Amino acid sequence: GDAELAAKNAAQTCIGRNGDLQDILGPALFLC
């Protein structure tokens, strides 16, 4: 809800963006 904070968090990653829901699915299905 805070666009500035969301952008700051995205910049902190190595990839340069925040997560999308689909990003969790591969790791989760692997562990299942």
All heavy atoms as atom14 arrays in JSON, in Angstrom:
{
  "sequence": "GDAELAAKNAAQTCIGRNGDLQDILGPALFLC",
  "atom14_mask": [
    [1, 1, 1, 1, 0, 0, 0, 0, 0, 0, 0, 0, 0, 0],
    [1, 1, 1, 1, 1, 1, 1, 1, 0, 0, 0, 0, 0, 0],
    [1, 1, 1, 1, 1, 0, 0, 0, 0, 0, 0, 0, 0, 0],
    [1, 1, 1, 1, 1, 1, 1, 1, 1, 0, 0, 0, 0, 0],
    [1, 1, 1, 1, 1, 1, 1, 1, 0, 0, 0, 0, 0, 0],
    [1, 1, 1, 1, 1, 0, 0, 0, 0, 0, 0, 0, 0, 0],
    [1, 1, 1, 1, 1, 0, 0, 0, 0, 0, 0, 0, 0, 0],
    [1, 1, 1, 1, 1, 1, 1, 1, 1, 0, 0, 0, 0, 0],
    [1, 1, 1, 1, 1, 1, 1, 1, 0, 0, 0, 0, 0, 0],
    [1, 1, 1, 1, 1, 0, 0, 0, 0, 0, 0, 0, 0, 0],
    [1, 1, 1, 1, 1, 0, 0, 0, 0, 0, 0, 0, 0, 0],
    [1, 1, 1, 1, 1, 1, 1, 1, 1, 0, 0, 0, 0, 0],
    [1, 1, 1, 1, 1, 1, 1, 0, 0, 0, 0, 0, 0, 0],
    [1, 1, 1, 1, 1, 1, 0, 0, 0, 0, 0, 0, 0, 0],
    [1, 1, 1, 1, 1, 1, 1, 1, 0, 0, 0, 0, 0, 0],
    [1, 1, 1, 1, 0, 0, 0, 0, 0, 0, 0, 0, 0, 0],
    [1, 1, 1, 1, 1, 1, 1, 1, 1, 1, 1, 0, 0, 0],
    [1, 1, 1, 1, 1, 1, 1, 1, 0, 0, 0, 0, 0, 0],
    [1, 1, 1, 1, 0, 0, 0, 0, 0, 0, 0, 0, 0, 0],
    [1, 1, 1, 1, 1, 1, 1, 1, 0, 0, 0, 0, 0, 0],
    [1, 1, 1, 1, 1, 1, 1, 1, 0, 0, 0, 0, 0, 0],
    [1, 1, 1, 1, 1, 1, 1, 1, 1, 0, 0, 0, 0, 0],
    [1, 1, 1, 1, 1, 1, 1, 1, 0, 0, 0, 0, 0, 0],
    [1, 1, 1, 1, 1, 1, 1, 1, 0, 0, 0, 0, 0, 0],
    [1, 1, 1, 1, 1, 1, 1, 1, 0, 0, 0, 0, 0, 0],
    [1, 1, 1, 1, 0, 0, 0, 0, 0, 0, 0, 0, 0, 0],
    [1, 1, 1, 1, 1, 1, 1, 0, 0, 0, 0, 0, 0, 0],
    [1, 1, 1, 1, 1, 0, 0, 0, 0, 0, 0, 0, 0, 0],
    [1, 1, 1, 1, 1, 1, 1, 1, 0, 0, 0, 0, 0, 0],
    [1, 1, 1, 1, 1, 1, 1, 1, 1, 1, 1, 0, 0, 0],
    [1, 1, 1, 1, 1, 1, 1, 1, 0, 0, 0, 0, 0, 0],
    [1, 1, 1, 1, 1, 1, 0, 0, 0, 0, 0, 0, 0, 0]
  ],
  "atom14_positions": [
    [[0.81, -1.21, 0.0], [0.0, 0.0, 0.0], [0.85, 1.26, 0.0], [0.34, 2.36, -0.25], [0.0, 0.0, 0.0], [0.0, 0.0, 0.0], [0.0, 0.0, 0.0], [0.0, 0.0, 0.0], [0.0, 0.0, 0.0], [0.0, 0.0, 0.0], [0.0, 0.0, 0.0], [0.0, 0.0, 0.0], [0.0, 0.0, 0.0], [0.0, 0.0, 0.0]],
    [[2.13, 1.13, 0.26], [3.08, 2.24, 0.25], [3.99, 2.04, -0.96], [4.93, 1.24, -0.92], [3.88, 2.23, 1.55], [4.85, 3.4, 1.68], [5.29, 3.92, 0.64], [5.19, 3.76, 2.82], [0.0, 0.0, 0.0], [0.0, 0.0, 0.0], [0.0, 0.0, 0.0], [0.0, 0.0, 0.0], [0.0, 0.0, 0.0], [0.0, 0.0, 0.0]],
    [[3.72, 2.75, -2.04], [4.45, 2.56, -3.3], [5.95, 2.78, -3.12], [6.77, 2.06, -3.72], [3.9, 3.49, -4.37], [0.0, 0.0, 0.0], [0.0, 0.0, 0.0], [0.0, 0.0, 0.0], [0.0, 0.0, 0.0], [0.0, 0.0, 0.0], [0.0, 0.0, 0.0], [0.0, 0.0, 0.0], [0.0, 0.0, 0.0], [0.0, 0.0, 0.0]],
    [[6.32, 3.76, -2.33], [7.74, 4.04, -2.11], [8.43, 2.88, -1.4], [9.54, 2.47, -1.76], [7.9, 5.33, -1.3], [9.36, 5.75, -1.12], [9.5, 7.08, -0.38], [8.47, 7.77, -0.19], [10.64, 7.41, 0.01], [0.0, 0.0, 0.0], [0.0, 0.0, 0.0], [0.0, 0.0, 0.0], [0.0, 0.0, 0.0], [0.0, 0.0, 0.0]],
    [[7.75, 2.33, -0.38], [8.32, 1.21, 0.36], [8.4, -0.03, -0.51], [9.4, -0.76, -0.47], [7.47, 0.92, 1.6], [7.91, -0.26, 2.48], [9.35, -0.07, 2.95], [6.96, -0.42, 3.66], [0.0, 0.0, 0.0], [0.0, 0.0, 0.0], [0.0, 0.0, 0.0], [0.0, 0.0, 0.0], [0.0, 0.0, 0.0], [0.0, 0.0, 0.0]],
    [[7.36, -0.28, -1.3], [7.38, -1.44, -2.19], [8.53, -1.35, -3.19], [9.21, -2.34, -3.47], [6.05, -1.56, -2.93], [0.0, 0.0, 0.0], [0.0, 0.0, 0.0], [0.0, 0.0, 0.0], [0.0, 0.0, 0.0], [0.0, 0.0, 0.0], [0.0, 0.0, 0.0], [0.0, 0.0, 0.0], [0.0, 0.0, 0.0], [0.0, 0.0, 0.0]],
    [[8.76, -0.15, -3.71], [9.87, 0.05, -4.66], [11.22, -0.13, -3.97], [12.16, -0.69, -4.54], [9.77, 1.43, -5.27], [0.0, 0.0, 0.0], [0.0, 0.0, 0.0], [0.0, 0.0, 0.0], [0.0, 0.0, 0.0], [0.0, 0.0, 0.0], [0.0, 0.0, 0.0], [0.0, 0.0, 0.0], [0.0, 0.0, 0.0], [0.0, 0.0, 0.0]],
    [[11.31, 0.33, -2.74], [12.56, 0.17, -1.97], [12.86, -1.31, -1.74], [14.0, -1.75, -1.87], [12.42, 0.9, -0.63], [13.65, 0.79, 0.25], [13.45, 1.53, 1.57], [14.66, 1.38, 2.49], [14.45, 2.08, 3.79], [0.0, 0.0, 0.0], [0.0, 0.0, 0.0], [0.0, 0.0, 0.0], [0.0, 0.0, 0.0], [0.0, 0.0, 0.0]],
    [[11.82, -2.07, -1.42], [12.02, -3.51, -1.2], [12.43, -4.22, -2.49], [13.28, -5.1, -2.49], [10.74, -4.14, -0.65], [10.45, -3.7, 0.77], [11.36, -3.38, 1.53], [9.17, -3.68, 1.14], [0.0, 0.0, 0.0], [0.0, 0.0, 0.0], [0.0, 0.0, 0.0], [0.0, 0.0, 0.0], [0.0, 0.0, 0.0], [0.0, 0.0, 0.0]],
    [[11.83, -3.82, -3.59], [12.18, -4.41, -4.89], [13.64, -4.12, -5.23], [14.35, -4.99, -5.74], [11.26, -3.87, -5.98], [0.0, 0.0, 0.0], [0.0, 0.0, 0.0], [0.0, 0.0, 0.0], [0.0, 0.0, 0.0], [0.0, 0.0, 0.0], [0.0, 0.0, 0.0], [0.0, 0.0, 0.0], [0.0, 0.0, 0.0], [0.0, 0.0, 0.0]],
    [[14.08, -2.91, -4.94], [15.47, -2.52, -5.23], [16.46, -3.29, -4.37], [17.63, -3.46, -4.75], [15.64, -1.02, -5.02], [0.0, 0.0, 0.0], [0.0, 0.0, 0.0], [0.0, 0.0, 0.0], [0.0, 0.0, 0.0], [0.0, 0.0, 0.0], [0.0, 0.0, 0.0], [0.0, 0.0, 0.0], [0.0, 0.0, 0.0], [0.0, 0.0, 0.0]],
    [[16.01, -3.78, -3.22], [16.89, -4.52, -2.32], [17.19, -5.94, -2.83], [18.18, -6.55, -2.44], [16.25, -4.6, -0.92], [17.0, -5.45, 0.09], [18.39, -4.92, 0.42], [18.63, -3.72, 0.4], [19.31, -5.84, 0.7], [0.0, 0.0, 0.0], [0.0, 0.0, 0.0], [0.0, 0.0, 0.0], [0.0, 0.0, 0.0], [0.0, 0.0, 0.0]],
    [[16.35, -6.44, -3.72], [16.57, -7.79, -4.24], [17.68, -7.79, -5.29], [18.03, -6.75, -5.86], [15.3, -8.36, -4.89], [15.0, -7.63, -6.09], [14.1, -8.26, -3.95], [0.0, 0.0, 0.0], [0.0, 0.0, 0.0], [0.0, 0.0, 0.0], [0.0, 0.0, 0.0], [0.0, 0.0, 0.0], [0.0, 0.0, 0.0], [0.0, 0.0, 0.0]],
    [[18.22, -8.97, -5.57], [19.2, -9.1, -6.65], [18.51, -9.04, -8.01], [19.12, -8.61, -9.0], [19.94, -10.43, -6.52], [20.97, -10.59, -5.05], [0.0, 0.0, 0.0], [0.0, 0.0, 0.0], [0.0, 0.0, 0.0], [0.0, 0.0, 0.0], [0.0, 0.0, 0.0], [0.0, 0.0, 0.0], [0.0, 0.0, 0.0], [0.0, 0.0, 0.0]],
    [[17.27, -9.48, -8.06], [16.53, -9.51, -9.33], [16.0, -8.14, -9.71], [15.93, -7.8, -10.9], [15.38, -10.53, -9.23], [15.94, -11.95, -9.13], [14.43, -10.44, -10.42], [14.9, -13.02, -8.94], [0.0, 0.0, 0.0], [0.0, 0.0, 0.0], [0.0, 0.0, 0.0], [0.0, 0.0, 0.0], [0.0, 0.0, 0.0], [0.0, 0.0, 0.0]],
    [[15.61, -7.33, -8.72], [15.13, -5.99, -8.99], [13.61, -5.86, -9.0], [13.09, -4.88, -9.51], [0.0, 0.0, 0.0], [0.0, 0.0, 0.0], [0.0, 0.0, 0.0], [0.0, 0.0, 0.0], [0.0, 0.0, 0.0], [0.0, 0.0, 0.0], [0.0, 0.0, 0.0], [0.0, 0.0, 0.0], [0.0, 0.0, 0.0], [0.0, 0.0, 0.0]],
    [[12.92, -6.84, -8.45], [11.46, -6.74, -8.38], [10.96, -7.53, -7.17], [11.65, -8.39, -6.62], [10.8, -7.28, -9.64], [10.98, -8.8, -9.87], [10.12, -9.29, -11.03], [10.33, -10.71, -11.33], [9.73, -11.72, -10.7], [8.88, -11.48, -9.71], [9.98, -12.97, -11.06], [0.0, 0.0, 0.0], [0.0, 0.0, 0.0], [0.0, 0.0, 0.0]],
    [[9.72, -7.24, -6.79], [9.06, -8.03, -5.75], [8.47, -9.28, -6.38], [8.43, -9.42, -7.6], [7.98, -7.19, -5.07], [8.57, -6.08, -4.22], [9.48, -6.3, -3.43], [8.05, -4.87, -4.39], [0.0, 0.0, 0.0], [0.0, 0.0, 0.0], [0.0, 0.0, 0.0], [0.0, 0.0, 0.0], [0.0, 0.0, 0.0], [0.0, 0.0, 0.0]],
    [[8.0, -10.19, -5.54], [7.51, -11.47, -6.03], [6.12, -11.43, -6.63], [5.29, -10.6, -6.24], [0.0, 0.0, 0.0], [0.0, 0.0, 0.0], [0.0, 0.0, 0.0], [0.0, 0.0, 0.0], [0.0, 0.0, 0.0], [0.0, 0.0, 0.0], [0.0, 0.0, 0.0], [0.0, 0.0, 0.0], [0.0, 0.0, 0.0], [0.0, 0.0, 0.0]],
    [[5.87, -12.31, -7.6], [4.53, -12.6, -8.1], [4.11, -13.94, -7.51], [4.96, -14.8, -7.22], [4.51, -12.69, -9.63], [4.84, -11.35, -10.28], [4.41, -10.32, -9.73], [5.53, -11.35, -11.31], [0.0, 0.0, 0.0], [0.0, 0.0, 0.0], [0.0, 0.0, 0.0], [0.0, 0.0, 0.0], [0.0, 0.0, 0.0], [0.0, 0.0, 0.0]],
    [[2.82, -14.15, -7.35], [2.35, -15.38, -6.72], [2.89, -16.63, -7.41], [3.2, -17.63, -6.76], [0.82, -15.41, -6.69], [0.15, -14.41, -5.73], [-1.37, -14.57, -5.79], [0.64, -14.59, -4.3], [0.0, 0.0, 0.0], [0.0, 0.0, 0.0], [0.0, 0.0, 0.0], [0.0, 0.0, 0.0], [0.0, 0.0, 0.0], [0.0, 0.0, 0.0]],
    [[3.03, -16.58, -8.72], [3.51, -17.77, -9.45], [4.95, -18.12, -9.08], [5.39, -19.26, -9.27], [3.39, -17.55, -10.95], [4.29, -16.45, -11.5], [4.11, -16.25, -13.0], [3.17, -16.76, -13.59], [5.02, -15.49, -13.59], [0.0, 0.0, 0.0], [0.0, 0.0, 0.0], [0.0, 0.0, 0.0], [0.0, 0.0, 0.0], [0.0, 0.0, 0.0]],
    [[5.71, -17.16, -8.53], [7.1, -17.42, -8.19], [7.26, -18.43, -7.05], [8.3, -19.05, -6.91], [7.8, -16.11, -7.79], [7.96, -15.14, -8.95], [8.19, -15.61, -10.07], [7.85, -13.92, -8.73], [0.0, 0.0, 0.0], [0.0, 0.0, 0.0], [0.0, 0.0, 0.0], [0.0, 0.0, 0.0], [0.0, 0.0, 0.0], [0.0, 0.0, 0.0]],
    [[6.21, -18.58, -6.24], [6.3, -19.5, -5.11], [5.94, -20.93, -5.5], [6.26, -21.88, -4.78], [5.37, -19.02, -3.96], [5.8, -19.63, -2.61], [3.91, -19.37, -4.24], [7.03, -19.04, -2.02], [0.0, 0.0, 0.0], [0.0, 0.0, 0.0], [0.0, 0.0, 0.0], [0.0, 0.0, 0.0], [0.0, 0.0, 0.0], [0.0, 0.0, 0.0]],
    [[5.29, -21.09, -6.66], [4.7, -22.38, -6.99], [5.73, -23.46, -7.3], [5.61, -24.6, -6.84], [3.73, -22.24, -8.16], [2.59, -21.24, -7.94], [1.63, -21.26, -9.13], [1.84, -21.53, -6.64], [0.0, 0.0, 0.0], [0.0, 0.0, 0.0], [0.0, 0.0, 0.0], [0.0, 0.0, 0.0], [0.0, 0.0, 0.0], [0.0, 0.0, 0.0]],
    [[6.76, -23.14, -8.08], [7.8, -24.13, -8.41], [8.48, -24.66, -7.16], [8.57, -25.88, -6.95], [0.0, 0.0, 0.0], [0.0, 0.0, 0.0], [0.0, 0.0, 0.0], [0.0, 0.0, 0.0], [0.0, 0.0, 0.0], [0.0, 0.0, 0.0], [0.0, 0.0, 0.0], [0.0, 0.0, 0.0], [0.0, 0.0, 0.0], [0.0, 0.0, 0.0]],
    [[9.0, -23.77, -6.29], [9.63, -24.25, -5.06], [8.69, -25.07, -4.18], [9.09, -26.08, -3.6], [10.06, -22.95, -4.36], [10.27, -21.98, -5.48], [9.2, -22.32, -6.47], [0.0, 0.0, 0.0], [0.0, 0.0, 0.0], [0.0, 0.0, 0.0], [0.0, 0.0, 0.0], [0.0, 0.0, 0.0], [0.0, 0.0, 0.0], [0.0, 0.0, 0.0]],
    [[7.42, -24.64, -4.09], [6.46, -25.36, -3.25], [6.19, -26.75, -3.8], [6.19, -27.74, -3.05], [5.17, -24.56, -3.13], [0.0, 0.0, 0.0], [0.0, 0.0, 0.0], [0.0, 0.0, 0.0], [0.0, 0.0, 0.0], [0.0, 0.0, 0.0], [0.0, 0.0, 0.0], [0.0, 0.0, 0.0], [0.0, 0.0, 0.0], [0.0, 0.0, 0.0]],
    [[5.95, -26.85, -5.1], [5.66, -28.16, -5.69], [6.87, -29.09, -5.62], [6.73, -30.3, -5.45], [5.19, -27.99, -7.14], [3.81, -27.35, -7.29], [3.49, -27.11, -8.76], [2.72, -28.22, -6.66], [0.0, 0.0, 0.0], [0.0, 0.0, 0.0], [0.0, 0.0, 0.0], [0.0, 0.0, 0.0], [0.0, 0.0, 0.0], [0.0, 0.0, 0.0]],
    [[8.06, -28.52, -5.75], [9.27, -29.33, -5.58], [9.3, -29.96, -4.19], [9.53, -31.17, -4.04], [10.51, -28.46, -5.8], [11.79, -29.07, -5.27], [12.32, -30.22, -5.84], [12.45, -28.49, -4.19], [13.5, -30.78, -5.33], [13.62, -29.05, -3.68], [14.14, -30.2, -4.27], [0.0, 0.0, 0.0], [0.0, 0.0, 0.0], [0.0, 0.0, 0.0]],
    [[9.05, -29.16, -3.16], [9.12, -29.67, -1.79], [7.97, -30.61, -1.46], [8.07, -31.4, -0.51], [9.14, -28.51, -0.8], [10.4, -27.64, -0.81], [10.29, -26.51, 0.19], [11.66, -28.47, -0.54], [0.0, 0.0, 0.0], [0.0, 0.0, 0.0], [0.0, 0.0, 0.0], [0.0, 0.0, 0.0], [0.0, 0.0, 0.0], [0.0, 0.0, 0.0]],
    [[6.89, -30.54, -2.25], [5.74, -31.43, -2.03], [5.86, -32.75, -2.79], [5.06, -33.66, -2.58], [4.44, -30.74, -2.47], [3.87, -29.42, -1.38], [0.0, 0.0, 0.0], [0.0, 0.0, 0.0], [0.0, 0.0, 0.0], [0.0, 0.0, 0.0], [0.0, 0.0, 0.0], [0.0, 0.0, 0.0], [0.0, 0.0, 0.0], [0.0, 0.0, 0.0]]
  ]
}
